[in-house]
Amino acid sequence: MIQLVQVYLLKCQKFVEDKKILMFKRLSFNVLTITIVSMIMLMGIVVKTPDAYAAKFGSVSHIYAFGDSYSDNGASFEISTQAVDAGVPGSFILPADPALGIYDSEGRATNGLTTVEVLSQNLQVGLTDYAVVGAKSGNGNYNAWLDDFQDTGAFGQIEQFTAELSGQVADRNALYFIFISANDLLEYVDFDLPGTVEELSVQTVNNIGQSLSNLAALGANKFMVVNSSDIGIVPHIIEFDNTDEAVLFTKLVNELLPQKLEMLTEELGAEIVLYDHIAISDQIRSKPDQYTLTNLNYPCQPTSPIEPACSLPDEYYFWDEIHPTARVHQIIGEDMAIFVKNQQ
C-alpha cells in the first residue's frame, strides 16, 4: 500500500486507541485557559492586535521565505527524494509520489502556486524559498524520519540560508518572510505528545522570535511575519476531533506573537510587520461568492483515501484535507502584496 494511505490508516487506529486520553486532555482546557488569562492580567500585559504593527520598508529587493507546506514550492520534494535515494528508513516522497497525481507537478502541496510565490510575482521581485512540507517552528519536521537526513524546521532552513551566504552579510533590502506554526500543533494532536497546548503555543512564539533574531544577526532588517492560520477549520483537524486544541493554539499564538514582535522591534531596531492570516481567511469564508467559491469545508482532492479530484478546484477552499487550493493561495498572496505595498 502506498505510504500516504499507510500513514492515514495508522492515524485512524491511533485515534481510536487514544480517544479517552484526548477527551481527558480537553477537560483541562477551560481551567488552563483561565489560568493563562489570569496570569496575563496579573502581569499587566496588554495584548496587541496585528493592526498595531506598521513599518516603512521602502523598496524590497528580494524575498527569502521560511515556512512549511503553505509556502513550499518544491523544496520538500527535492529533499525527500534525496532521502529516499539515500535509503533513510521510513522515507517517502513529499508531499506525495508524483505518480499518484495528487499535487502540483513541481512538488507543491496544492494544485498551483503558493501564497508567497503570488506575493513575489505581485511585487515583481525574486523569491528564494526555503519552506518545507511538515516543517516545525523550531528544529525538525512533522515527518520525523526526515530529521535523520536534514533539519528542515525553521531553524534548519535558516542554517541553510546562513551556509549559502558564505560569510557575506544578508541583504538588508530584502524581505524575510516567516510563516510557520501549524505543524507544531498537528504533530501534538496527531501523535498525542506530552505537555499542554498553552506550553506549545508559548514555545512556538518563542521559536518564531528566535528565527527572526537569527536572521537579524546575519544582517536581515525587513521582516514579514504571518500569524497562525485558522487551523480549527482544517478538514483533517475536524475529522479527528481536534478542533478544541486547534482553536486554542491559534488563539494563544495570535495573542502572544504581537508582544514578541514588539519586543524584537525595540531590541533589534528592525522593520517588522505582522500579517493577519485569520482576517483574510475570515473575509474569504464570510463572502465566498465574492471570490467565486462554493465549497469551504471539503477537499477538492481527497487523499485519505485517495479519490478523484473535483472538476472545479477554483471553487474550493481546500485542495486536500490540510492545504488550500491555488485559488485561495492566489487571493491571499494578492492581499499580502497590497499589505506590503502599504508599508513602502
C-alpha atoms as a PDB file:
ATOM      1  CA  MET A   1       0.000   0.000   0.000  1.00  0.00           C
ATOM      2  CA  ILE A   2       1.272   3.488  -0.722  1.00  0.00           C
ATOM      3  CA  GLN A   3       2.945   5.338   2.148  1.00  0.00           C
ATOM      4  CA  LEU A   4       0.350   8.118   2.228  1.00  0.00           C
ATOM      5  CA  VAL A   5      -2.519   5.707   2.862  1.00  0.00           C
ATOM      6  CA  GLN A   6      -0.426   3.743   5.374  1.00  0.00           C
ATOM      7  CA  VAL A   7       0.157   6.886   7.384  1.00  0.00           C
ATOM      8  CA  TYR A   8      -3.550   7.656   7.301  1.00  0.00           C
ATOM      9  CA  LEU A   9      -4.550   4.167   8.469  1.00  0.00           C
ATOM     10  CA  LEU A  10      -2.077   4.327  11.342  1.00  0.00           C
ATOM     11  CA  LYS A  11      -3.561   7.664  12.387  1.00  0.00           C
ATOM     12  CA  CYS A  12      -7.071   6.211  12.311  1.00  0.00           C
ATOM     13  CA  GLN A  13      -6.013   3.318  14.534  1.00  0.00           C
ATOM     14  CA  LYS A  14      -4.237   5.631  16.933  1.00  0.00           C
ATOM     15  CA  PHE A  15      -7.253   7.957  17.012  1.00  0.00           C
ATOM     16  CA  VAL A  16      -9.488   5.162  18.264  1.00  0.00           C
ATOM     17  CA  GLU A  17      -6.958   3.873  20.793  1.00  0.00           C
ATOM     18  CA  ASP A  18      -6.241   7.279  22.270  1.00  0.00           C
ATOM     19  CA  LYS A  19      -9.761   8.738  22.268  1.00  0.00           C
ATOM     20  CA  LYS A  20     -10.102   8.542  26.044  1.00  0.00           C
ATOM     21  CA  ILE A  21      -6.779  10.316  26.546  1.00  0.00           C
ATOM     22  CA  LEU A  22      -7.765  13.099  24.151  1.00  0.00           C
ATOM     23  CA  MET A  23     -11.118  13.548  25.895  1.00  0.00           C
ATOM     24  CA  PHE A  24      -9.363  13.870  29.245  1.00  0.00           C
ATOM     25  CA  LYS A  25      -6.967  16.416  27.781  1.00  0.00           C
ATOM     26  CA  ARG A  26      -9.858  18.562  26.571  1.00  0.00           C
ATOM     27  CA  LEU A  27     -11.460  18.626  30.007  1.00  0.00           C
ATOM     28  CA  SER A  28      -8.487  20.584  31.272  1.00  0.00           C
ATOM     29  CA  PHE A  29      -8.625  23.287  28.562  1.00  0.00           C
ATOM     30  CA  ASN A  30     -11.017  25.672  30.260  1.00  0.00           C
ATOM     31  CA  VAL A  31      -9.135  25.594  33.558  1.00  0.00           C
ATOM     32  CA  LEU A  32      -5.780  26.029  31.830  1.00  0.00           C
ATOM     33  CA  THR A  33      -7.051  28.847  29.639  1.00  0.00           C
ATOM     34  CA  ILE A  34      -8.458  30.697  32.641  1.00  0.00           C
ATOM     35  CA  THR A  35      -5.105  30.260  34.378  1.00  0.00           C
ATOM     36  CA  ILE A  36      -3.185  31.695  31.431  1.00  0.00           C
ATOM     37  CA  VAL A  37      -5.549  34.656  31.072  1.00  0.00           C
ATOM     38  CA  SER A  38      -5.380  35.334  34.804  1.00  0.00           C
ATOM     39  CA  MET A  39      -1.577  35.315  34.721  1.00  0.00           C
ATOM     40  CA  ILE A  40      -1.568  37.758  31.810  1.00  0.00           C
ATOM     41  CA  MET A  41      -3.915  40.110  33.662  1.00  0.00           C
ATOM     42  CA  LEU A  42      -1.852  39.948  36.839  1.00  0.00           C
ATOM     43  CA  MET A  43       1.313  40.718  34.886  1.00  0.00           C
ATOM     44  CA  GLY A  44      -0.341  43.771  33.335  1.00  0.00           C
ATOM     45  CA  ILE A  45       0.383  42.640  29.805  1.00  0.00           C
ATOM     46  CA  VAL A  46      -1.610  44.319  27.049  1.00  0.00           C
ATOM     47  CA  VAL A  47      -2.173  42.052  24.066  1.00  0.00           C
ATOM     48  CA  LYS A  48      -1.882  43.997  20.832  1.00  0.00           C
ATOM     49  CA  THR A  49      -3.595  43.127  17.592  1.00  0.00           C
ATOM     50  CA  PRO A  50      -1.749  42.767  14.279  1.00  0.00           C
ATOM     51  CA  ASP A  51      -3.111  46.185  13.291  1.00  0.00           C
ATOM     52  CA  ALA A  52      -0.716  47.714  15.826  1.00  0.00           C
ATOM     53  CA  TYR A  53       2.210  46.991  13.528  1.00  0.00           C
ATOM     54  CA  ALA A  54       3.425  49.167  10.709  1.00  0.00           C
ATOM     55  CA  ALA A  55       6.811  49.667   9.132  1.00  0.00           C
ATOM     56  CA  LYS A  56       8.357  51.667   6.335  1.00  0.00           C
ATOM     57  CA  PHE A  57      10.098  49.156   4.124  1.00  0.00           C
ATOM     58  CA  GLY A  58      10.986  51.343   1.206  1.00  0.00           C
ATOM     59  CA  SER A  59      11.868  49.201  -1.788  1.00  0.00           C
ATOM     60  CA  VAL A  60      12.113  45.418  -1.484  1.00  0.00           C
ATOM     61  CA  SER A  61      14.896  43.785  -3.487  1.00  0.00           C
ATOM     62  CA  HIS A  62      14.055  40.103  -2.993  1.00  0.00           C
ATOM     63  CA  ILE A  63      12.008  37.733  -0.824  1.00  0.00           C
ATOM     64  CA  TYR A  64      13.500  34.969   1.322  1.00  0.00           C
ATOM     65  CA  ALA A  65      10.786  32.643   2.623  1.00  0.00           C
ATOM     66  CA  PHE A  66      10.931  30.340   5.640  1.00  0.00           C
ATOM     67  CA  GLY A  67       7.978  28.130   6.476  1.00  0.00           C
ATOM     68  CA  ASP A  68       6.017  24.951   5.869  1.00  0.00           C
ATOM     69  CA  SER A  69       3.749  23.444   3.214  1.00  0.00           C
ATOM     70  CA  TYR A  70       1.717  26.637   2.902  1.00  0.00           C
ATOM     71  CA  SER A  71       4.835  28.214   1.337  1.00  0.00           C
ATOM     72  CA  ASP A  72       6.864  25.262  -0.009  1.00  0.00           C
ATOM     73  CA  ASN A  73       7.363  25.489  -3.772  1.00  0.00           C
ATOM     74  CA  GLY A  74       9.268  22.245  -4.223  1.00  0.00           C
ATOM     75  CA  ALA A  75      11.967  22.022  -1.546  1.00  0.00           C
ATOM     76  CA  SER A  76      10.372  19.093   0.276  1.00  0.00           C
ATOM     77  CA  PHE A  77      10.081  17.129  -2.948  1.00  0.00           C
ATOM     78  CA  GLU A  78      13.781  17.590  -3.637  1.00  0.00           C
ATOM     79  CA  ILE A  79      14.920  16.845  -0.072  1.00  0.00           C
ATOM     80  CA  SER A  80      12.647  13.831   0.427  1.00  0.00           C
ATOM     81  CA  THR A  81      13.678  12.381  -2.927  1.00  0.00           C
ATOM     82  CA  GLN A  82      17.294  12.595  -1.796  1.00  0.00           C
ATOM     83  CA  ALA A  83      16.352  10.919   1.493  1.00  0.00           C
ATOM     84  CA  VAL A  84      14.609   8.072  -0.333  1.00  0.00           C
ATOM     85  CA  ASP A  85      17.604   7.638  -2.636  1.00  0.00           C
ATOM     86  CA  ALA A  86      19.875   7.579   0.438  1.00  0.00           C
ATOM     87  CA  GLY A  87      17.797   4.798   1.972  1.00  0.00           C
ATOM     88  CA  VAL A  88      16.637   6.728   5.039  1.00  0.00           C
ATOM     89  CA  PRO A  89      14.349   4.347   6.999  1.00  0.00           C
ATOM     90  CA  GLY A  90      10.666   5.192   6.658  1.00  0.00           C
ATOM     91  CA  SER A  91      11.278   7.815   3.992  1.00  0.00           C
ATOM     92  CA  PHE A  92       8.855   8.609   1.180  1.00  0.00           C
ATOM     93  CA  ILE A  93       8.356  11.384  -1.346  1.00  0.00           C
ATOM     94  CA  LEU A  94       6.828  14.613  -0.042  1.00  0.00           C
ATOM     95  CA  PRO A  95       4.208  15.847  -0.433  1.00  0.00           C
ATOM     96  CA  ALA A  96       3.391  12.603  -2.312  1.00  0.00           C
ATOM     97  CA  ASP A  97       4.745  10.401  -5.074  1.00  0.00           C
ATOM     98  CA  PRO A  98       4.196  12.280  -8.372  1.00  0.00           C
ATOM     99  CA  ALA A  99       2.858   9.054  -9.887  1.00  0.00           C
ATOM    100  CA  LEU A 100      -0.253   9.470  -7.751  1.00  0.00           C
ATOM    101  CA  GLY A 101      -1.107  12.738  -9.496  1.00  0.00           C
ATOM    102  CA  ILE A 102      -2.376  14.306  -6.274  1.00  0.00           C
ATOM    103  CA  TYR A 103      -0.399  17.540  -6.175  1.00  0.00           C
ATOM    104  CA  ASP A 104       1.206  20.137  -8.393  1.00  0.00           C
ATOM    105  CA  SER A 105       3.815  18.534 -10.649  1.00  0.00           C
ATOM    106  CA  GLU A 106       6.606  20.689  -9.190  1.00  0.00           C
ATOM    107  CA  GLY A 107       6.145  19.403  -5.650  1.00  0.00           C
ATOM    108  CA  ARG A 108       3.801  21.894  -4.028  1.00  0.00           C
ATOM    109  CA  ALA A 109       1.196  20.668  -1.519  1.00  0.00           C
ATOM    110  CA  THR A 110      -1.599  22.184  -3.585  1.00  0.00           C
ATOM    111  CA  ASN A 111      -2.579  22.473  -7.251  1.00  0.00           C
ATOM    112  CA  GLY A 112      -0.576  25.572  -8.185  1.00  0.00           C
ATOM    113  CA  LEU A 113       1.435  28.494  -6.865  1.00  0.00           C
ATOM    114  CA  THR A 114       1.696  29.106  -3.130  1.00  0.00           C
ATOM    115  CA  THR A 115       0.903  32.374  -1.389  1.00  0.00           C
ATOM    116  CA  VAL A 116       4.475  33.622  -1.148  1.00  0.00           C
ATOM    117  CA  GLU A 117       5.015  32.945  -4.851  1.00  0.00           C
ATOM    118  CA  VAL A 118       1.979  35.063  -5.673  1.00  0.00           C
ATOM    119  CA  LEU A 119       3.348  37.736  -3.344  1.00  0.00           C
ATOM    120  CA  SER A 120       6.716  37.802  -5.103  1.00  0.00           C
ATOM    121  CA  GLN A 121       5.074  37.973  -8.528  1.00  0.00           C
ATOM    122  CA  ASN A 122       2.886  40.885  -7.495  1.00  0.00           C
ATOM    123  CA  LEU A 123       5.850  42.742  -6.003  1.00  0.00           C
ATOM    124  CA  GLN A 124       7.887  41.856  -9.108  1.00  0.00           C
ATOM    125  CA  VAL A 125      10.856  40.622  -7.097  1.00  0.00           C
ATOM    126  CA  GLY A 126      12.724  37.333  -6.983  1.00  0.00           C
ATOM    127  CA  LEU A 127      11.993  34.608  -4.447  1.00  0.00           C
ATOM    128  CA  THR A 128      14.290  32.193  -2.640  1.00  0.00           C
ATOM    129  CA  ASP A 129      12.044  29.715  -0.861  1.00  0.00           C
ATOM    130  CA  TYR A 130      13.379  27.524   1.963  1.00  0.00           C
ATOM    131  CA  ALA A 131       9.946  26.381   3.189  1.00  0.00           C
ATOM    132  CA  VAL A 132       9.431  22.626   3.559  1.00  0.00           C
ATOM    133  CA  VAL A 133       6.312  20.481   3.903  1.00  0.00           C
ATOM    134  CA  GLY A 134       5.938  19.418   7.544  1.00  0.00           C
ATOM    135  CA  ALA A 135       8.446  21.930   8.908  1.00  0.00           C
ATOM    136  CA  LYS A 136       8.070  22.897  12.570  1.00  0.00           C
ATOM    137  CA  SER A 137       8.743  26.322  14.061  1.00  0.00           C
ATOM    138  CA  GLY A 138      11.993  25.197  15.706  1.00  0.00           C
ATOM    139  CA  ASN A 139      14.003  22.159  14.684  1.00  0.00           C
ATOM    140  CA  GLY A 140      12.632  19.167  12.870  1.00  0.00           C
ATOM    141  CA  ASN A 141       9.704  18.034  10.789  1.00  0.00           C
ATOM    142  CA  TYR A 142       6.279  16.506  11.356  1.00  0.00           C
ATOM    143  CA  ASN A 143       7.647  13.594   9.328  1.00  0.00           C
ATOM    144  CA  ALA A 144      10.218  12.554  11.926  1.00  0.00           C
ATOM    145  CA  TRP A 145      12.136  10.258   9.579  1.00  0.00           C
ATOM    146  CA  LEU A 146      13.276  13.356   7.689  1.00  0.00           C
ATOM    147  CA  ASP A 147      15.174  14.545  10.778  1.00  0.00           C
ATOM    148  CA  ASP A 148      17.647  11.689  10.248  1.00  0.00           C
ATOM    149  CA  PHE A 149      18.544  13.217   6.899  1.00  0.00           C
ATOM    150  CA  GLN A 150      18.263  17.004   7.310  1.00  0.00           C
ATOM    151  CA  ASP A 151      16.893  19.559   9.765  1.00  0.00           C
ATOM    152  CA  THR A 152      14.056  21.069   7.762  1.00  0.00           C
ATOM    153  CA  GLY A 153      12.481  23.026  10.629  1.00  0.00           C
ATOM    154  CA  ALA A 154      12.649  26.824  10.598  1.00  0.00           C
ATOM    155  CA  PHE A 155      15.985  26.764  12.423  1.00  0.00           C
ATOM    156  CA  GLY A 156      17.378  24.305   9.891  1.00  0.00           C
ATOM    157  CA  GLN A 157      16.126  26.412   6.994  1.00  0.00           C
ATOM    158  CA  ILE A 158      17.934  29.433   8.419  1.00  0.00           C
ATOM    159  CA  GLU A 159      21.084  27.342   8.850  1.00  0.00           C
ATOM    160  CA  GLN A 160      20.875  26.512   5.150  1.00  0.00           C
ATOM    161  CA  PHE A 161      20.427  30.193   4.318  1.00  0.00           C
ATOM    162  CA  THR A 162      23.418  31.011   6.534  1.00  0.00           C
ATOM    163  CA  ALA A 163      25.598  28.462   4.762  1.00  0.00           C
ATOM    164  CA  GLU A 164      24.624  29.862   1.373  1.00  0.00           C
ATOM    165  CA  LEU A 165      25.626  33.364   2.479  1.00  0.00           C
ATOM    166  CA  SER A 166      29.206  32.066   2.704  1.00  0.00           C
ATOM    167  CA  GLY A 167      30.124  34.660   5.302  1.00  0.00           C
ATOM    168  CA  GLN A 168      28.507  37.567   3.473  1.00  0.00           C
ATOM    169  CA  VAL A 169      26.018  39.938   5.116  1.00  0.00           C
ATOM    170  CA  ALA A 170      22.354  39.281   4.360  1.00  0.00           C
ATOM    171  CA  ASP A 171      20.627  41.743   2.030  1.00  0.00           C
ATOM    172  CA  ARG A 172      19.116  44.487   4.212  1.00  0.00           C
ATOM    173  CA  ASN A 173      16.719  45.483   1.450  1.00  0.00           C
ATOM    174  CA  ALA A 174      15.260  42.001   1.048  1.00  0.00           C
ATOM    175  CA  LEU A 175      12.016  40.943   2.715  1.00  0.00           C
ATOM    176  CA  TYR A 176      12.348  37.993   5.091  1.00  0.00           C
ATOM    177  CA  PHE A 177       9.049  36.123   5.122  1.00  0.00           C
ATOM    178  CA  ILE A 178       8.271  33.849   8.098  1.00  0.00           C
ATOM    179  CA  PHE A 179       5.052  31.810   8.084  1.00  0.00           C
ATOM    180  CA  ILE A 180       5.212  28.755  10.322  1.00  0.00           C
ATOM    181  CA  SER A 181       3.365  27.243  13.289  1.00  0.00           C
ATOM    182  CA  ALA A 182       0.704  24.754  12.136  1.00  0.00           C
ATOM    183  CA  ASN A 183       2.867  21.630  12.187  1.00  0.00           C
ATOM    184  CA  ASP A 184       3.688  22.191  15.849  1.00  0.00           C
ATOM    185  CA  LEU A 185       0.001  21.702  16.596  1.00  0.00           C
ATOM    186  CA  LEU A 186      -0.543  18.925  14.036  1.00  0.00           C
ATOM    187  CA  GLU A 187       2.305  16.883  15.486  1.00  0.00           C
ATOM    188  CA  TYR A 188       0.989  17.471  19.006  1.00  0.00           C
ATOM    189  CA  VAL A 189      -2.528  16.204  18.296  1.00  0.00           C
ATOM    190  CA  ASP A 190      -1.753  13.514  15.715  1.00  0.00           C
ATOM    191  CA  PHE A 191       0.871  11.825  17.886  1.00  0.00           C
ATOM    192  CA  ASP A 192      -0.554  12.754  21.293  1.00  0.00           C
ATOM    193  CA  LEU A 193       2.632  14.437  22.501  1.00  0.00           C
ATOM    194  CA  PRO A 194       3.064  15.339  26.182  1.00  0.00           C
ATOM    195  CA  GLY A 195       2.545  18.841  27.545  1.00  0.00           C
ATOM    196  CA  THR A 196      -0.268  21.344  27.125  1.00  0.00           C
ATOM    197  CA  VAL A 197      -1.477  23.453  24.233  1.00  0.00           C
ATOM    198  CA  GLU A 198      -0.594  26.508  26.307  1.00  0.00           C
ATOM    199  CA  GLU A 199       3.016  25.394  26.659  1.00  0.00           C
ATOM    200  CA  LEU A 200       3.180  24.521  22.978  1.00  0.00           C
ATOM    201  CA  SER A 201       1.894  27.937  21.884  1.00  0.00           C
ATOM    202  CA  VAL A 202       4.469  29.733  24.029  1.00  0.00           C
ATOM    203  CA  GLN A 203       7.258  27.600  22.558  1.00  0.00           C
ATOM    204  CA  THR A 204       6.031  28.234  19.022  1.00  0.00           C
ATOM    205  CA  VAL A 205       6.038  32.008  19.511  1.00  0.00           C
ATOM    206  CA  ASN A 206       9.486  31.862  21.101  1.00  0.00           C
ATOM    207  CA  ASN A 207      10.747  29.838  18.140  1.00  0.00           C
ATOM    208  CA  ILE A 208       9.390  32.369  15.656  1.00  0.00           C
ATOM    209  CA  GLY A 209      11.079  35.125  17.622  1.00  0.00           C
ATOM    210  CA  GLN A 210      14.343  33.193  17.652  1.00  0.00           C
ATOM    211  CA  SER A 211      14.197  32.711  13.885  1.00  0.00           C
ATOM    212  CA  LEU A 212      13.749  36.425  13.428  1.00  0.00           C
ATOM    213  CA  SER A 213      16.663  37.165  15.772  1.00  0.00           C
ATOM    214  CA  ASN A 214      18.880  34.651  13.973  1.00  0.00           C
ATOM    215  CA  LEU A 215      18.161  36.293  10.631  1.00  0.00           C
ATOM    216  CA  ALA A 216      18.710  39.772  12.046  1.00  0.00           C
ATOM    217  CA  ALA A 217      22.112  38.653  13.325  1.00  0.00           C
ATOM    218  CA  LEU A 218      23.009  37.869   9.717  1.00  0.00           C
ATOM    219  CA  GLY A 219      22.056  41.378   8.594  1.00  0.00           C
ATOM    220  CA  ALA A 220      18.370  40.977   7.717  1.00  0.00           C
ATOM    221  CA  ASN A 221      16.309  44.074   8.509  1.00  0.00           C
ATOM    222  CA  LYS A 222      12.877  43.817   6.854  1.00  0.00           C
ATOM    223  CA  PHE A 223      10.553  41.117   8.161  1.00  0.00           C
ATOM    224  CA  MET A 224       7.058  39.976   7.332  1.00  0.00           C
ATOM    225  CA  VAL A 225       5.716  37.525   9.907  1.00  0.00           C
ATOM    226  CA  VAL A 226       2.406  35.749   9.290  1.00  0.00           C
ATOM    227  CA  ASN A 227       0.371  34.764  12.322  1.00  0.00           C
ATOM    228  CA  SER A 228      -1.259  31.362  12.762  1.00  0.00           C
ATOM    229  CA  SER A 229      -3.737  30.392  10.092  1.00  0.00           C
ATOM    230  CA  ASP A 230      -7.178  29.227  11.196  1.00  0.00           C
ATOM    231  CA  ILE A 231      -6.176  25.639  11.970  1.00  0.00           C
ATOM    232  CA  GLY A 232      -9.561  24.914  13.509  1.00  0.00           C
ATOM    233  CA  ILE A 233     -11.267  24.896  10.090  1.00  0.00           C
ATOM    234  CA  VAL A 234      -8.865  22.375   8.535  1.00  0.00           C
ATOM    235  CA  PRO A 235     -10.742  19.207   7.452  1.00  0.00           C
ATOM    236  CA  HIS A 236      -8.044  16.921   8.891  1.00  0.00           C
ATOM    237  CA  ILE A 237      -8.382  18.599  12.289  1.00  0.00           C
ATOM    238  CA  ILE A 238     -12.170  18.338  12.228  1.00  0.00           C
ATOM    239  CA  GLU A 239     -12.140  14.706  11.066  1.00  0.00           C
ATOM    240  CA  PHE A 240     -10.033  13.609  14.028  1.00  0.00           C
ATOM    241  CA  ASP A 241     -11.962  15.752  16.508  1.00  0.00           C
ATOM    242  CA  ASN A 242      -9.068  18.060  17.398  1.00  0.00           C
ATOM    243  CA  THR A 243     -10.878  21.356  16.870  1.00  0.00           C
ATOM    244  CA  ASP A 244     -10.666  22.435  20.524  1.00  0.00           C
ATOM    245  CA  GLU A 245      -6.892  22.091  20.584  1.00  0.00           C
ATOM    246  CA  ALA A 246      -6.508  23.841  17.223  1.00  0.00           C
ATOM    247  CA  VAL A 247      -8.721  26.782  18.163  1.00  0.00           C
ATOM    248  CA  LEU A 248      -6.939  27.273  21.471  1.00  0.00           C
ATOM    249  CA  PHE A 249      -3.487  27.031  19.876  1.00  0.00           C
ATOM    250  CA  THR A 250      -4.378  29.548  17.172  1.00  0.00           C
ATOM    251  CA  LYS A 251      -5.869  31.937  19.717  1.00  0.00           C
ATOM    252  CA  LEU A 252      -2.856  31.849  22.039  1.00  0.00           C
ATOM    253  CA  VAL A 253      -0.239  32.101  19.297  1.00  0.00           C
ATOM    254  CA  ASN A 254      -2.021  35.072  17.767  1.00  0.00           C
ATOM    255  CA  GLU A 255      -2.288  36.792  21.146  1.00  0.00           C
ATOM    256  CA  LEU A 256       1.340  36.217  22.145  1.00  0.00           C
ATOM    257  CA  LEU A 257       3.023  36.857  18.792  1.00  0.00           C
ATOM    258  CA  PRO A 258       2.400  40.638  18.657  1.00  0.00           C
ATOM    259  CA  GLN A 259       4.052  41.034  22.073  1.00  0.00           C
ATOM    260  CA  LYS A 260       7.088  39.092  20.903  1.00  0.00           C
ATOM    261  CA  LEU A 261       7.409  41.158  17.730  1.00  0.00           C
ATOM    262  CA  GLU A 262       7.040  44.437  19.591  1.00  0.00           C
ATOM    263  CA  MET A 263       9.870  43.414  21.893  1.00  0.00           C
ATOM    264  CA  LEU A 264      12.069  42.376  18.971  1.00  0.00           C
ATOM    265  CA  THR A 265      11.345  45.598  17.096  1.00  0.00           C
ATOM    266  CA  GLU A 266      12.745  47.517  20.035  1.00  0.00           C
ATOM    267  CA  GLU A 267      15.682  45.167  20.617  1.00  0.00           C
ATOM    268  CA  LEU A 268      16.792  44.800  17.011  1.00  0.00           C
ATOM    269  CA  GLY A 269      15.759  48.123  15.518  1.00  0.00           C
ATOM    270  CA  ALA A 270      14.361  46.147  12.594  1.00  0.00           C
ATOM    271  CA  GLU A 271      11.334  46.800  10.401  1.00  0.00           C
ATOM    272  CA  ILE A 272       8.806  44.112  11.330  1.00  0.00           C
ATOM    273  CA  VAL A 273       5.219  43.734  10.136  1.00  0.00           C
ATOM    274  CA  LEU A 274       2.676  41.137  11.185  1.00  0.00           C
ATOM    275  CA  TYR A 275       0.214  39.922   8.564  1.00  0.00           C
ATOM    276  CA  ASP A 276      -3.157  38.742   9.870  1.00  0.00           C
ATOM    277  CA  HIS A 277      -3.911  35.463   8.105  1.00  0.00           C
ATOM    278  CA  ILE A 278      -7.045  34.932  10.191  1.00  0.00           C
ATOM    279  CA  ALA A 279      -8.530  38.216   8.956  1.00  0.00           C
ATOM    280  CA  ILE A 280      -8.196  37.389   5.267  1.00  0.00           C
ATOM    281  CA  SER A 281      -9.384  33.825   5.853  1.00  0.00           C
ATOM    282  CA  ASP A 282     -12.466  35.110   7.668  1.00  0.00           C
ATOM    283  CA  GLN A 283     -13.109  37.583   4.867  1.00  0.00           C
ATOM    284  CA  ILE A 284     -12.935  34.876   2.210  1.00  0.00           C
ATOM    285  CA  ARG A 285     -15.127  32.469   4.123  1.00  0.00           C
ATOM    286  CA  SER A 286     -17.720  35.074   5.093  1.00  0.00           C
ATOM    287  CA  LYS A 287     -18.132  36.249   1.483  1.00  0.00           C
ATOM    288  CA  PRO A 288     -17.381  33.187  -0.669  1.00  0.00           C
ATOM    289  CA  ASP A 289     -19.494  34.457  -3.581  1.00  0.00           C
ATOM    290  CA  GLN A 290     -17.188  37.443  -3.876  1.00  0.00           C
ATOM    291  CA  TYR A 291     -14.350  35.016  -4.620  1.00  0.00           C
ATOM    292  CA  THR A 292     -16.441  32.526  -6.655  1.00  0.00           C
ATOM    293  CA  LEU A 293     -16.021  29.823  -4.010  1.00  0.00           C
ATOM    294  CA  THR A 294     -18.804  27.293  -3.494  1.00  0.00           C
ATOM    295  CA  ASN A 295     -17.213  24.728  -1.159  1.00  0.00           C
ATOM    296  CA  LEU A 296     -15.468  25.894   2.005  1.00  0.00           C
ATOM    297  CA  ASN A 297     -15.249  22.707   4.050  1.00  0.00           C
ATOM    298  CA  TYR A 298     -14.423  19.690   1.905  1.00  0.00           C
ATOM    299  CA  PRO A 299     -11.265  18.930  -0.093  1.00  0.00           C
ATOM    300  CA  CYS A 300     -11.253  19.039  -3.854  1.00  0.00           C
ATOM    301  CA  GLN A 301      -8.669  16.238  -3.878  1.00  0.00           C
ATOM    302  CA  PRO A 302      -9.320  13.709  -1.098  1.00  0.00           C
ATOM    303  CA  THR A 303      -6.149  11.867  -0.122  1.00  0.00           C
ATOM    304  CA  SER A 304      -7.286   9.646   2.735  1.00  0.00           C
ATOM    305  CA  PRO A 305      -8.302   7.585   0.969  1.00  0.00           C
ATOM    306  CA  ILE A 306      -7.337   8.882  -2.453  1.00  0.00           C
ATOM    307  CA  GLU A 307     -10.303   9.712  -4.660  1.00  0.00           C
ATOM    308  CA  PRO A 308     -10.643  11.561  -7.980  1.00  0.00           C
ATOM    309  CA  ALA A 309     -10.205  15.318  -7.734  1.00  0.00           C
ATOM    310  CA  CYS A 310     -13.136  17.661  -8.152  1.00  0.00           C
ATOM    311  CA  SER A 311     -13.734  19.170 -11.584  1.00  0.00           C
ATOM    312  CA  LEU A 312     -13.774  22.820 -10.435  1.00  0.00           C
ATOM    313  CA  PRO A 313     -10.877  23.339  -7.991  1.00  0.00           C
ATOM    314  CA  ASP A 314     -11.123  27.131  -8.195  1.00  0.00           C
ATOM    315  CA  GLU A 315     -14.457  26.875  -6.390  1.00  0.00           C
ATOM    316  CA  TYR A 316     -12.956  25.030  -3.405  1.00  0.00           C
ATOM    317  CA  TYR A 317     -11.218  26.487  -0.361  1.00  0.00           C
ATOM    318  CA  PHE A 318      -9.250  23.307   0.396  1.00  0.00           C
ATOM    319  CA  TRP A 319      -7.256  21.289  -2.100  1.00  0.00           C
ATOM    320  CA  ASP A 320      -6.677  18.324   0.251  1.00  0.00           C
ATOM    321  CA  GLU A 321      -7.512  17.729   3.916  1.00  0.00           C
ATOM    322  CA  ILE A 322      -4.983  20.340   5.110  1.00  0.00           C
ATOM    323  CA  HIS A 323      -3.929  22.708   2.341  1.00  0.00           C
ATOM    324  CA  PRO A 324      -5.747  25.495   0.466  1.00  0.00           C
ATOM    325  CA  THR A 325      -6.287  25.435  -3.274  1.00  0.00           C
ATOM    326  CA  ALA A 326      -4.164  27.528  -5.605  1.00  0.00           C
ATOM    327  CA  ARG A 327      -7.161  29.855  -5.900  1.00  0.00           C
ATOM    328  CA  VAL A 328      -7.103  30.605  -2.166  1.00  0.00           C
ATOM    329  CA  HIS A 329      -3.311  30.955  -2.254  1.00  0.00           C
ATOM    330  CA  GLN A 330      -3.801  33.493  -5.055  1.00  0.00           C
ATOM    331  CA  ILE A 331      -6.362  35.529  -3.116  1.00  0.00           C
ATOM    332  CA  ILE A 332      -4.202  35.656  -0.001  1.00  0.00           C
ATOM    333  CA  GLY A 333      -0.987  36.306  -1.929  1.00  0.00           C
ATOM    334  CA  GLU A 334      -2.557  39.274  -3.694  1.00  0.00           C
ATOM    335  CA  ASP A 335      -3.802  40.619  -0.374  1.00  0.00           C
ATOM    336  CA  MET A 336      -0.313  40.216   1.085  1.00  0.00           C
ATOM    337  CA  ALA A 337       1.115  42.204  -1.821  1.00  0.00           C
ATOM    338  CA  ILE A 338      -1.262  45.084  -1.098  1.00  0.00           C
ATOM    339  CA  PHE A 339      -0.288  44.848   2.558  1.00  0.00           C
ATOM    340  CA  VAL A 340       3.442  45.074   1.774  1.00  0.00           C
ATOM    341  CA  LYS A 341       2.979  47.915  -0.717  1.00  0.00           C
ATOM    342  CA  ASN A 342       1.218  49.867   2.020  1.00  0.00           C
ATOM    343  CA  GLN A 343       4.415  49.616   4.069  1.00  0.00           C
ATOM    344  CA  GLN A 344       6.514  51.172   1.310  1.00  0.00           C
END
